[in-house]
Protein backbone atom coordinates (compact mmCIF):
# COMPACT_ATOMS: atom_id res chain seq x y z
CA MET A 1 -25.03 -7.33 28.51
CA THR A 2 -23.88 -9.09 25.35
CA GLU A 3 -21.34 -11.69 25.32
CA LYS A 4 -19.20 -12.56 22.19
CA SER A 5 -19.75 -15.95 20.80
CA SER A 6 -16.99 -18.41 20.27
CA SER A 7 -17.79 -18.75 16.66
CA ASN A 8 -16.60 -15.07 15.95
CA GLN A 9 -13.12 -15.44 17.73
CA PRO A 10 -11.31 -16.80 14.74
CA LYS A 11 -12.76 -14.09 12.44
CA GLU A 12 -11.98 -11.42 15.05
CA LYS A 13 -8.44 -12.85 15.32
CA PHE A 14 -7.96 -12.98 11.45
CA MET A 15 -9.30 -9.39 10.87
CA ALA A 16 -6.71 -8.14 13.56
CA ASN A 17 -3.69 -8.96 10.87
CA PRO A 18 -2.94 -6.30 8.18
CA ILE A 19 -3.87 -7.63 4.70
CA GLU A 20 -1.08 -5.31 3.14
CA ARG A 21 2.51 -4.25 4.02
CA HIS A 22 3.11 -0.65 2.66
CA ASP A 23 6.53 -0.40 4.02
CA THR A 24 8.06 -2.38 1.17
CA ALA A 25 5.54 -0.77 -1.45
CA ALA A 26 7.05 0.50 -4.65
CA TRP A 27 5.71 3.70 -4.52
CA ARG A 28 7.18 4.62 -1.38
CA ALA A 29 10.64 4.76 -2.78
CA ASP A 30 12.46 8.21 -3.83
CA ILE A 31 9.81 10.68 -2.62
CA LYS A 32 10.94 14.17 -3.92
CA GLU A 33 8.30 15.97 -1.59
CA LEU A 34 5.08 15.70 0.16
CA LYS A 35 2.07 17.94 -0.79
CA ALA A 36 1.43 20.36 2.28
CA GLU A 37 -2.25 19.79 3.07
CA SER A 38 -2.90 16.46 1.63
CA LYS A 39 0.56 14.70 2.54
CA VAL A 40 0.45 13.12 -0.97
CA ALA A 41 3.76 11.81 -2.04
CA ILE A 42 5.45 13.29 -5.16
CA PRO A 43 7.97 10.70 -6.62
CA THR A 44 11.09 11.58 -8.25
CA GLU A 45 11.41 11.74 -12.01
CA ASP A 46 13.71 8.69 -12.06
CA SER A 47 10.99 6.78 -10.17
CA VAL A 48 8.33 7.80 -12.65
CA ASP A 49 10.60 6.59 -15.55
CA GLU A 50 11.43 3.38 -13.78
CA ALA A 51 7.60 2.73 -13.29
CA LYS A 52 6.68 3.51 -16.84
CA ASP A 53 9.54 1.13 -18.17
CA TRP A 54 8.16 -1.70 -15.82
CA VAL A 55 4.57 -1.17 -17.09
CA ASP A 56 5.92 -1.09 -20.79
CA THR A 57 7.84 -4.25 -20.58
CA ASN A 58 5.26 -6.06 -18.50
CA SER A 59 2.00 -5.41 -20.18
CA LEU A 60 -0.38 -7.87 -21.47
CA SER A 61 -0.44 -6.25 -25.12
C-alpha cells in the first residue's frame, strides 16, 4: 500500500481549486441558440458586434 507523502499535500490542495471562473465570462452573455449535437453556443448578432468593437478599440496596432 502506498502512502501519500506530506510534501504533496499543499500541491493537491492548490490543484483542487478551479483556475478559471466561466460563470462571468463574456462569451456566456446573450446566447441565441445551442447547436444540437455539439452544444456550441451561438451568440446574438449584437454580442458579436460588441466583441468586434471591443477588439478594434483595444488592439495594440
